[in-house]
Amino acid sequence: MADGPVTETYGLDTGRVIAVLNDVVATEVVCWLRYTRHAISATGIDRAQVAAEFTEHAAEEMQHALRAAERLSQLGGEPDFDPATLARRAHTDYTTRRLIESILEEEEEHADDLTDLLAV
């Protein structure tokens, strides 16, 4: 328990996992900014519905960033919220993979929602 999440059996390069998580943080922050911008600049008769959808997605993106930042902090890293630090992707451990898979699931849901809005 005193070792926290990084025990002898962890088996991965913690520095590499932290780097991947920082990439996730940067990506999610950029997505949050984009969705927020789209919510603010939505126009037309369906503006309220479109803005609400973008606002919902923006909130989920920020939660993704915060979840990834919390995990990398647990692993002893420092969250880097500068989107300019986005680097190449790497494979992650099981817990981090589940986190990223859950984020991907929500991203796919966002794409479906936007496709539905555009089809109207």
PDB file of N, CA and C in Angstrom:
ATOM      1  N   MET A   1       0.818  -1.196   0.000  1.00  0.00           N
ATOM      2  CA  MET A   1       0.000   0.000   0.000  1.00  0.00           C
ATOM      3  C   MET A   1       0.863   1.261   0.000  1.00  0.00           C
ATOM      4  N   ALA A   2       1.985   1.220   0.701  1.00  0.00           N
ATOM      5  CA  ALA A   2       2.839   2.397   0.792  1.00  0.00           C
ATOM      6  C   ALA A   2       3.450   2.758  -0.558  1.00  0.00           C
ATOM      7  N   ASP A   3       3.564   1.776  -1.471  1.00  0.00           N
ATOM      8  CA  ASP A   3       4.145   2.036  -2.786  1.00  0.00           C
ATOM      9  C   ASP A   3       3.166   2.709  -3.742  1.00  0.00           C
ATOM     10  N   GLY A   4       1.897   2.757  -3.368  1.00  0.00           N
ATOM     11  CA  GLY A   4       0.898   3.354  -4.248  1.00  0.00           C
ATOM     12  C   GLY A   4       0.675   2.503  -5.479  1.00  0.00           C
ATOM     13  N   PRO A   5       0.328   3.112  -6.627  1.00  0.00           N
ATOM     14  CA  PRO A   5       0.002   2.333  -7.816  1.00  0.00           C
ATOM     15  C   PRO A   5       1.213   1.741  -8.531  1.00  0.00           C
ATOM     16  N   VAL A   6       2.410   2.181  -8.188  1.00  0.00           N
ATOM     17  CA  VAL A   6       3.609   1.697  -8.871  1.00  0.00           C
ATOM     18  C   VAL A   6       4.344   0.737  -7.944  1.00  0.00           C
ATOM     19  N   THR A   7       3.994  -0.540  -8.048  1.00  0.00           N
ATOM     20  CA  THR A   7       4.600  -1.586  -7.228  1.00  0.00           C
ATOM     21  C   THR A   7       5.619  -2.359  -8.066  1.00  0.00           C
ATOM     22  N   GLU A   8       6.271  -3.319  -7.448  1.00  0.00           N
ATOM     23  CA  GLU A   8       7.250  -4.142  -8.162  1.00  0.00           C
ATOM     24  C   GLU A   8       6.617  -4.909  -9.318  1.00  0.00           C
ATOM     25  N   THR A   9       5.353  -5.249  -9.194  1.00  0.00           N
ATOM     26  CA  THR A   9       4.669  -6.017 -10.238  1.00  0.00           C
ATOM     27  C   THR A   9       4.062  -5.132 -11.330  1.00  0.00           C
ATOM     28  N   TYR A  10       4.212  -3.829 -11.234  1.00  0.00           N
ATOM     29  CA  TYR A  10       3.637  -2.920 -12.230  1.00  0.00           C
ATOM     30  C   TYR A  10       4.141  -3.276 -13.622  1.00  0.00           C
ATOM     31  N   GLY A  11       5.438  -3.465 -13.753  1.00  0.00           N
ATOM     32  CA  GLY A  11       6.015  -4.025 -14.965  1.00  0.00           C
ATOM     33  C   GLY A  11       6.137  -3.127 -16.174  1.00  0.00           C
ATOM     34  N   LEU A  12       5.812  -1.878 -16.070  1.00  0.00           N
ATOM     35  CA  LEU A  12       5.921  -0.984 -17.219  1.00  0.00           C
ATOM     36  C   LEU A  12       6.850   0.180 -16.926  1.00  0.00           C
ATOM     37  N   ASP A  13       7.281   0.829 -17.983  1.00  0.00           N
ATOM     38  CA  ASP A  13       8.089   2.032 -17.875  1.00  0.00           C
ATOM     39  C   ASP A  13       7.153   3.178 -17.493  1.00  0.00           C
ATOM     40  N   THR A  14       7.166   3.530 -16.225  1.00  0.00           N
ATOM     41  CA  THR A  14       6.246   4.564 -15.729  1.00  0.00           C
ATOM     42  C   THR A  14       6.415   5.872 -16.481  1.00  0.00           C
ATOM     43  N   GLY A  15       7.638   6.221 -16.818  1.00  0.00           N
ATOM     44  CA  GLY A  15       7.880   7.458 -17.573  1.00  0.00           C
ATOM     45  C   GLY A  15       7.178   7.468 -18.911  1.00  0.00           C
ATOM     46  N   ARG A  16       7.172   6.325 -19.577  1.00  0.00           N
ATOM     47  CA  ARG A  16       6.496   6.225 -20.872  1.00  0.00           C
ATOM     48  C   ARG A  16       4.983   6.330 -20.709  1.00  0.00           C
ATOM     49  N   VAL A  17       4.434   5.672 -19.690  1.00  0.00           N
ATOM     50  CA  VAL A  17       2.993   5.753 -19.434  1.00  0.00           C
ATOM     51  C   VAL A  17       2.601   7.192 -19.119  1.00  0.00           C
ATOM     52  N   ILE A  18       3.404   7.868 -18.330  1.00  0.00           N
ATOM     53  CA  ILE A  18       3.140   9.278 -17.998  1.00  0.00           C
ATOM     54  C   ILE A  18       3.167  10.131 -19.264  1.00  0.00           C
ATOM     55  N   ALA A  19       4.119   9.865 -20.167  1.00  0.00           N
ATOM     56  CA  ALA A  19       4.191  10.615 -21.427  1.00  0.00           C
ATOM     57  C   ALA A  19       2.932  10.397 -22.261  1.00  0.00           C
ATOM     58  N   VAL A  20       2.459   9.155 -22.340  1.00  0.00           N
ATOM     59  CA  VAL A  20       1.241   8.863 -23.101  1.00  0.00           C
ATOM     60  C   VAL A  20       0.050   9.579 -22.468  1.00  0.00           C
ATOM     61  N   LEU A  21      -0.039   9.520 -21.155  1.00  0.00           N
ATOM     62  CA  LEU A  21      -1.152  10.194 -20.479  1.00  0.00           C
ATOM     63  C   LEU A  21      -1.095  11.700 -20.680  1.00  0.00           C
ATOM     64  N   ASN A  22       0.097  12.271 -20.719  1.00  0.00           N
ATOM     65  CA  ASN A  22       0.200  13.705 -20.999  1.00  0.00           C
ATOM     66  C   ASN A  22      -0.258  14.014 -22.418  1.00  0.00           C
ATOM     67  N   ASP A  23      -0.018  13.093 -23.367  1.00  0.00           N
ATOM     68  CA  ASP A  23      -0.549  13.257 -24.716  1.00  0.00           C
ATOM     69  C   ASP A  23      -2.076  13.247 -24.686  1.00  0.00           C
ATOM     70  N   VAL A  24      -2.637  12.346 -23.900  1.00  0.00           N
ATOM     71  CA  VAL A  24      -4.092  12.284 -23.762  1.00  0.00           C
ATOM     72  C   VAL A  24      -4.619  13.586 -23.175  1.00  0.00           C
ATOM     73  N   VAL A  25      -3.970  14.082 -22.135  1.00  0.00           N
ATOM     74  CA  VAL A  25      -4.391  15.352 -21.514  1.00  0.00           C
ATOM     75  C   VAL A  25      -4.391  16.470 -22.555  1.00  0.00           C
ATOM     76  N   ALA A  26      -3.288  16.597 -23.293  1.00  0.00           N
ATOM     77  CA  ALA A  26      -3.191  17.664 -24.294  1.00  0.00           C
ATOM     78  C   ALA A  26      -4.281  17.529 -25.350  1.00  0.00           C
ATOM     79  N   THR A  27      -4.504  16.321 -25.829  1.00  0.00           N
ATOM     80  CA  THR A  27      -5.522  16.087 -26.845  1.00  0.00           C
ATOM     81  C   THR A  27      -6.910  16.438 -26.330  1.00  0.00           C
ATOM     82  N   GLU A  28      -7.225  16.020 -25.120  1.00  0.00           N
ATOM     83  CA  GLU A  28      -8.549  16.285 -24.551  1.00  0.00           C
ATOM     84  C   GLU A  28      -8.760  17.766 -24.275  1.00  0.00           C
ATOM     85  N   VAL A  29      -7.709  18.476 -23.861  1.00  0.00           N
ATOM     86  CA  VAL A  29      -7.838  19.920 -23.639  1.00  0.00           C
ATOM     87  C   VAL A  29      -8.134  20.627 -24.963  1.00  0.00           C
ATOM     88  N   VAL A  30      -7.437  20.236 -26.023  1.00  0.00           N
ATOM     89  CA  VAL A  30      -7.697  20.831 -27.338  1.00  0.00           C
ATOM     90  C   VAL A  30      -9.135  20.544 -27.771  1.00  0.00           C
ATOM     91  N   CYS A  31      -9.598  19.314 -27.566  1.00  0.00           N
ATOM     92  CA  CYS A  31     -10.987  18.969 -27.925  1.00  0.00           C
ATOM     93  C   CYS A  31     -11.980  19.780 -27.099  1.00  0.00           C
ATOM     94  N   TRP A  32     -11.701  19.940 -25.809  1.00  0.00           N
ATOM     95  CA  TRP A  32     -12.569  20.757 -24.960  1.00  0.00           C
ATOM     96  C   TRP A  32     -12.667  22.180 -25.519  1.00  0.00           C
ATOM     97  N   LEU A  33     -11.521  22.750 -25.907  1.00  0.00           N
ATOM     98  CA  LEU A  33     -11.525  24.104 -26.454  1.00  0.00           C
ATOM     99  C   LEU A  33     -12.321  24.179 -27.754  1.00  0.00           C
ATOM    100  N   ARG A  34     -12.151  23.193 -28.613  1.00  0.00           N
ATOM    101  CA  ARG A  34     -12.879  23.190 -29.892  1.00  0.00           C
ATOM    102  C   ARG A  34     -14.381  23.084 -29.669  1.00  0.00           C
ATOM    103  N   TYR A  35     -14.807  22.132 -28.843  1.00  0.00           N
ATOM    104  CA  TYR A  35     -16.241  21.994 -28.591  1.00  0.00           C
ATOM    105  C   TYR A  35     -16.816  23.256 -27.943  1.00  0.00           C
ATOM    106  N   THR A  36     -16.062  23.863 -27.037  1.00  0.00           N
ATOM    107  CA  THR A  36     -16.519  25.096 -26.402  1.00  0.00           C
ATOM    108  C   THR A  36     -16.689  26.202 -27.438  1.00  0.00           C
ATOM    109  N   ARG A  37     -15.725  26.317 -28.329  1.00  0.00           N
ATOM    110  CA  ARG A  37     -15.811  27.335 -29.375  1.00  0.00           C
ATOM    111  C   ARG A  37     -17.030  27.098 -30.253  1.00  0.00           C
ATOM    112  N   HIS A  38     -17.275  25.842 -30.637  1.00  0.00           N
ATOM    113  CA  HIS A  38     -18.432  25.530 -31.479  1.00  0.00           C
ATOM    114  C   HIS A  38     -19.742  25.830 -30.744  1.00  0.00           C
ATOM    115  N   ALA A  39     -19.795  25.562 -29.456  1.00  0.00           N
ATOM    116  CA  ALA A  39     -21.005  25.857 -28.682  1.00  0.00           C
ATOM    117  C   ALA A  39     -21.276  27.357 -28.664  1.00  0.00           C
ATOM    118  N   ILE A  40     -20.240  28.122 -28.503  1.00  0.00           N
ATOM    119  CA  ILE A  40     -20.388  29.581 -28.427  1.00  0.00           C
ATOM    120  C   ILE A  40     -20.773  30.170 -29.774  1.00  0.00           C
ATOM    121  N   SER A  41     -20.235  29.627 -30.858  1.00  0.00           N
ATOM    122  CA  SER A  41     -20.469  30.236 -32.166  1.00  0.00           C
ATOM    123  C   SER A  41     -21.582  29.561 -32.975  1.00  0.00           C
ATOM    124  N   ALA A  42     -22.338  28.654 -32.369  1.00  0.00           N
ATOM    125  CA  ALA A  42     -23.453  28.016 -33.077  1.00  0.00           C
ATOM    126  C   ALA A  42     -24.498  29.070 -33.458  1.00  0.00           C
ATOM    127  N   THR A  43     -25.042  28.914 -34.646  1.00  0.00           N
ATOM    128  CA  THR A  43     -26.056  29.866 -35.124  1.00  0.00           C
ATOM    129  C   THR A  43     -27.217  29.098 -35.757  1.00  0.00           C
ATOM    130  N   GLY A  44     -28.255  29.803 -36.076  1.00  0.00           N
ATOM    131  CA  GLY A  44     -29.378  29.219 -36.791  1.00  0.00           C
ATOM    132  C   GLY A  44     -30.533  28.872 -35.880  1.00  0.00           C
ATOM    133  N   ILE A  45     -31.568  28.342 -36.491  1.00  0.00           N
ATOM    134  CA  ILE A  45     -32.800  28.062 -35.773  1.00  0.00           C
ATOM    135  C   ILE A  45     -32.608  26.983 -34.699  1.00  0.00           C
ATOM    136  N   ASP A  46     -31.696  26.053 -34.929  1.00  0.00           N
ATOM    137  CA  ASP A  46     -31.432  24.983 -33.974  1.00  0.00           C
ATOM    138  C   ASP A  46     -30.240  25.293 -33.065  1.00  0.00           C
ATOM    139  N   ARG A  47     -29.880  26.567 -32.964  1.00  0.00           N
ATOM    140  CA  ARG A  47     -28.716  26.975 -32.202  1.00  0.00           C
ATOM    141  C   ARG A  47     -28.702  26.408 -30.784  1.00  0.00           C
ATOM    142  N   ALA A  48     -29.825  26.487 -30.076  1.00  0.00           N
ATOM    143  CA  ALA A  48     -29.876  26.043 -28.684  1.00  0.00           C
ATOM    144  C   ALA A  48     -29.566  24.550 -28.573  1.00  0.00           C
ATOM    145  N   GLN A  49     -30.155  23.745 -29.449  1.00  0.00           N
ATOM    146  CA  GLN A  49     -29.914  22.307 -29.422  1.00  0.00           C
ATOM    147  C   GLN A  49     -28.464  21.986 -29.777  1.00  0.00           C
ATOM    148  N   VAL A  50     -27.942  22.627 -30.814  1.00  0.00           N
ATOM    149  CA  VAL A  50     -26.564  22.391 -31.244  1.00  0.00           C
ATOM    150  C   VAL A  50     -25.587  22.851 -30.165  1.00  0.00           C
ATOM    151  N   ALA A  51     -25.807  24.041 -29.611  1.00  0.00           N
ATOM    152  CA  ALA A  51     -24.929  24.566 -28.561  1.00  0.00           C
ATOM    153  C   ALA A  51     -24.951  23.660 -27.337  1.00  0.00           C
ATOM    154  N   ALA A  52     -26.130  23.155 -26.985  1.00  0.00           N
ATOM    155  CA  ALA A  52     -26.233  22.259 -25.828  1.00  0.00           C
ATOM    156  C   ALA A  52     -25.442  20.972 -26.060  1.00  0.00           C
ATOM    157  N   GLU A  53     -25.507  20.445 -27.266  1.00  0.00           N
ATOM    158  CA  GLU A  53     -24.766  19.216 -27.593  1.00  0.00           C
ATOM    159  C   GLU A  53     -23.263  19.459 -27.504  1.00  0.00           C
ATOM    160  N   PHE A  54     -22.801  20.557 -28.094  1.00  0.00           N
ATOM    161  CA  PHE A  54     -21.380  20.884 -28.024  1.00  0.00           C
ATOM    162  C   PHE A  54     -20.939  21.144 -26.579  1.00  0.00           C
ATOM    163  N   THR A  55     -21.780  21.799 -25.807  1.00  0.00           N
ATOM    164  CA  THR A  55     -21.457  22.072 -24.408  1.00  0.00           C
ATOM    165  C   THR A  55     -21.326  20.771 -23.619  1.00  0.00           C
ATOM    166  N   GLU A  56     -22.233  19.827 -23.881  1.00  0.00           N
ATOM    167  CA  GLU A  56     -22.156  18.521 -23.225  1.00  0.00           C
ATOM    168  C   GLU A  56     -20.854  17.808 -23.590  1.00  0.00           C
ATOM    169  N   HIS A  57     -20.510  17.835 -24.867  1.00  0.00           N
ATOM    170  CA  HIS A  57     -19.273  17.193 -25.312  1.00  0.00           C
ATOM    171  C   HIS A  57     -18.054  17.876 -24.701  1.00  0.00           C
ATOM    172  N   ALA A  58     -18.089  19.183 -24.629  1.00  0.00           N
ATOM    173  CA  ALA A  58     -16.962  19.924 -24.036  1.00  0.00           C
ATOM    174  C   ALA A  58     -16.748  19.507 -22.586  1.00  0.00           C
ATOM    175  N   ALA A  59     -17.837  19.379 -21.842  1.00  0.00           N
ATOM    176  CA  ALA A  59     -17.724  18.974 -20.436  1.00  0.00           C
ATOM    177  C   ALA A  59     -17.134  17.574 -20.319  1.00  0.00           C
ATOM    178  N   GLU A  60     -17.531  16.666 -21.213  1.00  0.00           N
ATOM    179  CA  GLU A  60     -16.982  15.311 -21.185  1.00  0.00           C
ATOM    180  C   GLU A  60     -15.501  15.306 -21.550  1.00  0.00           C
ATOM    181  N   GLU A  61     -15.115  16.132 -22.508  1.00  0.00           N
ATOM    182  CA  GLU A  61     -13.694  16.225 -22.887  1.00  0.00           C
ATOM    183  C   GLU A  61     -12.856  16.709 -21.710  1.00  0.00           C
ATOM    184  N   MET A  62     -13.367  17.705 -20.995  1.00  0.00           N
ATOM    185  CA  MET A  62     -12.620  18.205 -19.833  1.00  0.00           C
ATOM    186  C   MET A  62     -12.506  17.117 -18.776  1.00  0.00           C
ATOM    187  N   GLN A  63     -13.569  16.347 -18.578  1.00  0.00           N
ATOM    188  CA  GLN A  63     -13.498  15.235 -17.622  1.00  0.00           C
ATOM    189  C   GLN A  63     -12.477  14.195 -18.066  1.00  0.00           C
ATOM    190  N   HIS A  64     -12.401  13.936 -19.378  1.00  0.00           N
ATOM    191  CA  HIS A  64     -11.387  13.017 -19.885  1.00  0.00           C
ATOM    192  C   HIS A  64      -9.994  13.523 -19.520  1.00  0.00           C
ATOM    193  N   ALA A  65      -9.760  14.806 -19.750  1.00  0.00           N
ATOM    194  CA  ALA A  65      -8.451  15.389 -19.441  1.00  0.00           C
ATOM    195  C   ALA A  65      -8.143  15.275 -17.954  1.00  0.00           C
ATOM    196  N   LEU A  66      -9.122  15.562 -17.126  1.00  0.00           N
ATOM    197  CA  LEU A  66      -8.914  15.505 -15.679  1.00  0.00           C
ATOM    198  C   LEU A  66      -8.670  14.070 -15.204  1.00  0.00           C
ATOM    199  N   ARG A  67      -9.388  13.103 -15.787  1.00  0.00           N
ATOM    200  CA  ARG A  67      -9.177  11.698 -15.412  1.00  0.00           C
ATOM    201  C   ARG A  67      -7.771  11.247 -15.785  1.00  0.00           C
ATOM    202  N   ALA A  68      -7.335  11.590 -16.993  1.00  0.00           N
ATOM    203  CA  ALA A  68      -5.983  11.223 -17.420  1.00  0.00           C
ATOM    204  C   ALA A  68      -4.932  11.927 -16.562  1.00  0.00           C
ATOM    205  N   ALA A  69      -5.164  13.199 -16.243  1.00  0.00           N
ATOM    206  CA  ALA A  69      -4.226  13.948 -15.402  1.00  0.00           C
ATOM    207  C   ALA A  69      -4.142  13.351 -14.002  1.00  0.00           C
ATOM    208  N   GLU A  70      -5.272  12.946 -13.466  1.00  0.00           N
ATOM    209  CA  GLU A  70      -5.288  12.319 -12.143  1.00  0.00           C
ATOM    210  C   GLU A  70      -4.504  11.013 -12.164  1.00  0.00           C
ATOM    211  N   ARG A  71      -4.692  10.212 -13.209  1.00  0.00           N
ATOM    212  CA  ARG A  71      -3.967   8.940 -13.296  1.00  0.00           C
ATOM    213  C   ARG A  71      -2.463   9.172 -13.400  1.00  0.00           C
ATOM    214  N   LEU A  72      -2.037  10.120 -14.211  1.00  0.00           N
ATOM    215  CA  LEU A  72      -0.595  10.331 -14.326  1.00  0.00           C
ATOM    216  C   LEU A  72      -0.015  10.922 -13.048  1.00  0.00           C
ATOM    217  N   SER A  73      -0.815  11.691 -12.332  1.00  0.00           N
ATOM    218  CA  SER A  73      -0.374  12.176 -11.024  1.00  0.00           C
ATOM    219  C   SER A  73      -0.214  11.017 -10.044  1.00  0.00           C
ATOM    220  N   GLN A  74      -1.151  10.042 -10.097  1.00  0.00           N
ATOM    221  CA  GLN A  74      -1.047   8.858  -9.250  1.00  0.00           C
ATOM    222  C   GLN A  74       0.230   8.077  -9.539  1.00  0.00           C
ATOM    223  N   LEU A  75       0.656   8.116 -10.786  1.00  0.00           N
ATOM    224  CA  LEU A  75       1.866   7.400 -11.190  1.00  0.00           C
ATOM    225  C   LEU A  75       3.136   8.201 -10.924  1.00  0.00           C
ATOM    226  N   GLY A  76       2.996   9.388 -10.321  1.00  0.00           N
ATOM    227  CA  GLY A  76       4.154  10.199  -9.962  1.00  0.00           C
ATOM    228  C   GLY A  76       4.540  11.239 -10.991  1.00  0.00           C
ATOM    229  N   GLY A  77       3.701  11.452 -12.004  1.00  0.00           N
ATOM    230  CA  GLY A  77       3.995  12.440 -13.037  1.00  0.00           C
ATOM    231  C   GLY A  77       3.357  13.786 -12.751  1.00  0.00           C
ATOM    232  N   GLU A  78       3.718  14.751 -13.569  1.00  0.00           N
ATOM    233  CA  GLU A  78       3.153  16.094 -13.492  1.00  0.00           C
ATOM    234  C   GLU A  78       2.277  16.322 -14.723  1.00  0.00           C
ATOM    235  N   PRO A  79       0.983  16.598 -14.536  1.00  0.00           N
ATOM    236  CA  PRO A  79       0.128  16.861 -15.700  1.00  0.00           C
ATOM    237  C   PRO A  79       0.604  18.090 -16.469  1.00  0.00           C
ATOM    238  N   ASP A  80       0.714  17.937 -17.784  1.00  0.00           N
ATOM    239  CA  ASP A  80       1.133  19.030 -18.661  1.00  0.00           C
ATOM    240  C   ASP A  80      -0.084  19.459 -19.464  1.00  0.00           C
ATOM    241  N   PHE A  81      -0.644  20.604 -19.131  1.00  0.00           N
ATOM    242  CA  PHE A  81      -1.848  21.082 -19.800  1.00  0.00           C
ATOM    243  C   PHE A  81      -1.556  21.949 -21.025  1.00  0.00           C
ATOM    244  N   ASP A  82      -0.325  21.935 -21.496  1.00  0.00           N
ATOM    245  CA  ASP A  82       0.046  22.704 -22.681  1.00  0.00           C
ATOM    246  C   ASP A  82      -0.180  21.834 -23.922  1.00  0.00           C
ATOM    247  N   PRO A  83      -1.191  22.165 -24.774  1.00  0.00           N
ATOM    248  CA  PRO A  83      -1.460  21.329 -25.944  1.00  0.00           C
ATOM    249  C   PRO A  83      -0.270  21.215 -26.895  1.00  0.00           C
ATOM    250  N   ALA A  84       0.677  22.120 -26.832  1.00  0.00           N
ATOM    251  CA  ALA A  84       1.846  22.057 -27.707  1.00  0.00           C
ATOM    252  C   ALA A  84       2.754  20.878 -27.369  1.00  0.00           C
ATOM    253  N   THR A  85       2.530  20.191 -26.250  1.00  0.00           N
ATOM    254  CA  THR A  85       3.380  19.069 -25.858  1.00  0.00           C
ATOM    255  C   THR A  85       2.886  17.731 -26.389  1.00  0.00           C
ATOM    256  N   LEU A  86       1.829  17.745 -27.208  1.00  0.00           N
ATOM    257  CA  LEU A  86       1.290  16.506 -27.759  1.00  0.00           C
ATOM    258  C   LEU A  86       2.374  15.781 -28.557  1.00  0.00           C
ATOM    259  N   ALA A  87       2.632  14.536 -28.247  1.00  0.00           N
ATOM    260  CA  ALA A  87       3.678  13.749 -28.910  1.00  0.00           C
ATOM    261  C   ALA A  87       3.102  12.446 -29.429  1.00  0.00           C
ATOM    262  N   ARG A  88       3.986  11.566 -29.855  1.00  0.00           N
ATOM    263  CA  ARG A  88       3.501  10.297 -30.425  1.00  0.00           C
ATOM    264  C   ARG A  88       2.852   9.412 -29.368  1.00  0.00           C
ATOM    265  N   ARG A  89       1.997   8.538 -29.801  1.00  0.00           N
ATOM    266  CA  ARG A  89       1.249   7.641 -28.911  1.00  0.00           C
ATOM    267  C   ARG A  89       2.071   6.396 -28.597  1.00  0.00           C
ATOM    268  N   ALA A  90       1.772   5.779 -27.471  1.00  0.00           N
ATOM    269  CA  ALA A  90       2.425   4.526 -27.090  1.00  0.00           C
ATOM    270  C   ALA A  90       1.398   3.621 -26.428  1.00  0.00           C
ATOM    271  N   HIS A  91       1.711   2.315 -26.327  1.00  0.00           N
ATOM    272  CA  HIS A  91       0.829   1.369 -25.642  1.00  0.00           C
ATOM    273  C   HIS A  91       0.887   1.637 -24.147  1.00  0.00           C
ATOM    274  N   THR A  92      -0.212   1.338 -23.469  1.00  0.00           N
ATOM    275  CA  THR A  92      -0.280   1.607 -22.037  1.00  0.00           C
ATOM    276  C   THR A  92      -0.621   0.341 -21.266  1.00  0.00           C
ATOM    277  N   ASP A  93      -0.538   0.440 -19.986  1.00  0.00           N
ATOM    278  CA  ASP A  93      -0.913  -0.684 -19.107  1.00  0.00           C
ATOM    279  C   ASP A  93      -2.419  -0.876 -19.068  1.00  0.00           C
ATOM    280  N   TYR A  94      -2.854  -1.940 -18.426  1.00  0.00           N
ATOM    281  CA  TYR A  94      -4.255  -2.348 -18.434  1.00  0.00           C
ATOM    282  C   TYR A  94      -5.193  -1.284 -17.873  1.00  0.00           C
ATOM    283  N   THR A  95      -4.854  -0.691 -16.722  1.00  0.00           N
ATOM    284  CA  THR A  95      -5.704   0.341 -16.123  1.00  0.00           C
ATOM    285  C   THR A  95      -5.796   1.559 -17.028  1.00  0.00           C
ATOM    286  N   THR A  96      -4.679   2.003 -17.552  1.00  0.00           N
ATOM    287  CA  THR A  96      -4.669   3.166 -18.426  1.00  0.00           C
ATOM    288  C   THR A  96      -5.383   2.848 -19.739  1.00  0.00           C
ATOM    289  N   ARG A  97      -5.202   1.626 -20.257  1.00  0.00           N
ATOM    290  CA  ARG A  97      -5.891   1.242 -21.484  1.00  0.00           C
ATOM    291  C   ARG A  97      -7.400   1.296 -21.293  1.00  0.00           C
ATOM    292  N   ARG A  98      -7.898   0.807 -20.157  1.00  0.00           N
ATOM    293  CA  ARG A  98      -9.339   0.867 -19.882  1.00  0.00           C
ATOM    294  C   ARG A  98      -9.806   2.316 -19.841  1.00  0.00           C
ATOM    295  N   LEU A  99      -9.009   3.191 -19.229  1.00  0.00           N
ATOM    296  CA  LEU A  99      -9.339   4.613 -19.175  1.00  0.00           C
ATOM    297  C   LEU A  99      -9.458   5.176 -20.588  1.00  0.00           C
ATOM    298  N   ILE A 100      -8.454   4.910 -21.412  1.00  0.00           N
ATOM    299  CA  ILE A 100      -8.443   5.457 -22.762  1.00  0.00           C
ATOM    300  C   ILE A 100      -9.545   4.829 -23.608  1.00  0.00           C
ATOM    301  N   GLU A 101      -9.821   3.547 -23.417  1.00  0.00           N
ATOM    302  CA  GLU A 101     -10.919   2.910 -24.140  1.00  0.00           C
ATOM    303  C   GLU A 101     -12.262   3.531 -23.773  1.00  0.00           C
ATOM    304  N   SER A 102     -12.448   3.877 -22.507  1.00  0.00           N
ATOM    305  CA  SER A 102     -13.704   4.509 -22.102  1.00  0.00           C
ATOM    306  C   SER A 102     -13.820   5.913 -22.704  1.00  0.00           C
ATOM    307  N   ILE A 103     -12.689   6.606 -22.807  1.00  0.00           N
ATOM    308  CA  ILE A 103     -12.682   7.926 -23.455  1.00  0.00           C
ATOM    309  C   ILE A 103     -13.022   7.767 -24.929  1.00  0.00           C
ATOM    310  N   LEU A 104     -12.432   6.768 -25.594  1.00  0.00           N
ATOM    311  CA  LEU A 104     -12.710   6.520 -27.006  1.00  0.00           C
ATOM    312  C   LEU A 104     -14.187   6.209 -27.226  1.00  0.00           C
ATOM    313  N   GLU A 105     -14.771   5.437 -26.326  1.00  0.00           N
ATOM    314  CA  GLU A 105     -16.189   5.116 -26.431  1.00  0.00           C
ATOM    315  C   GLU A 105     -17.036   6.390 -26.432  1.00  0.00           C
ATOM    316  N   GLU A 106     -16.718   7.324 -25.549  1.00  0.00           N
ATOM    317  CA  GLU A 106     -17.454   8.588 -25.508  1.00  0.00           C
ATOM    318  C   GLU A 106     -17.187   9.417 -26.760  1.00  0.00           C
ATOM    319  N   GLU A 107     -15.948   9.359 -27.280  1.00  0.00           N
ATOM    320  CA  GLU A 107     -15.630  10.098 -28.502  1.00  0.00           C
ATOM    321  C   GLU A 107     -16.470   9.575 -29.671  1.00  0.00           C
ATOM    322  N   GLU A 108     -16.625   8.252 -29.747  1.00  0.00           N
ATOM    323  CA  GLU A 108     -17.442   7.670 -30.807  1.00  0.00           C
ATOM    324  C   GLU A 108     -18.902   8.093 -30.657  1.00  0.00           C
ATOM    325  N   GLU A 109     -19.368   8.194 -29.421  1.00  0.00           N
ATOM    326  CA  GLU A 109     -20.718   8.673 -29.157  1.00  0.00           C
ATOM    327  C   GLU A 109     -20.872  10.122 -29.632  1.00  0.00           C
ATOM    328  N   HIS A 110     -19.840  10.934 -29.402  1.00  0.00           N
ATOM    329  CA  HIS A 110     -19.860  12.321 -29.878  1.00  0.00           C
ATOM    330  C   HIS A 110     -20.005  12.353 -31.397  1.00  0.00           C
ATOM    331  N   ALA A 111     -19.223  11.515 -32.080  1.00  0.00           N
ATOM    332  CA  ALA A 111     -19.287  11.489 -33.539  1.00  0.00           C
ATOM    333  C   ALA A 111     -20.687  11.103 -34.016  1.00  0.00           C
ATOM    334  N   ASP A 112     -21.287  10.123 -33.355  1.00  0.00           N
ATOM    335  CA  ASP A 112     -22.657   9.723 -33.723  1.00  0.00           C
ATOM    336  C   ASP A 112     -23.636  10.872 -33.509  1.00  0.00           C
ATOM    337  N   ASP A 113     -23.512  11.556 -32.370  1.00  0.00           N
ATOM    338  CA  ASP A 113     -24.407  12.674 -32.077  1.00  0.00           C
ATOM    339  C   ASP A 113     -24.284  13.765 -33.147  1.00  0.00           C
ATOM    340  N   LEU A 114     -23.047  14.072 -33.513  1.00  0.00           N
ATOM    341  CA  LEU A 114     -22.820  15.129 -34.516  1.00  0.00           C
ATOM    342  C   LEU A 114     -23.328  14.706 -35.875  1.00  0.00           C
ATOM    343  N   THR A 115     -23.155  13.435 -36.233  1.00  0.00           N
ATOM    344  CA  THR A 115     -23.683  12.933 -37.495  1.00  0.00           C
ATOM    345  C   THR A 115     -25.193  13.081 -37.521  1.00  0.00           C
ATOM    346  N   ASP A 116     -25.840  12.747 -36.415  1.00  0.00           N
ATOM    347  CA  ASP A 116     -27.299  12.908 -36.330  1.00  0.00           C
ATOM    348  C   ASP A 116     -27.720  14.358 -36.499  1.00  0.00           C
ATOM    349  N   LEU A 117     -26.970  15.278 -35.888  1.00  0.00           N
ATOM    350  CA  LEU A 117     -27.312  16.697 -36.013  1.00  0.00           C
ATOM    351  C   LEU A 117     -27.157  17.186 -37.447  1.00  0.00           C
ATOM    352  N   LEU A 118     -26.118  16.707 -38.114  1.00  0.00           N
ATOM    353  CA  LEU A 118     -25.874  17.154 -39.480  1.00  0.00           C
ATOM    354  C   LEU A 118     -26.878  16.563 -40.471  1.00  0.00           C
ATOM    355  N   ALA A 119     -27.477  15.448 -40.125  1.00  0.00           N
ATOM    356  CA  ALA A 119     -28.442  14.790 -41.009  1.00  0.00           C
ATOM    357  C   ALA A 119     -29.808  15.462 -40.995  1.00  0.00           C
ATOM    358  N   VAL A 120     -30.034  16.328 -40.023  1.00  0.00           N
ATOM    359  CA  VAL A 120     -31.348  16.982 -39.890  1.00  0.00           C
ATOM    360  C   VAL A 120     -31.573  17.961 -41.012  1.00  0.00           C
TER     361      VAL A 120
END
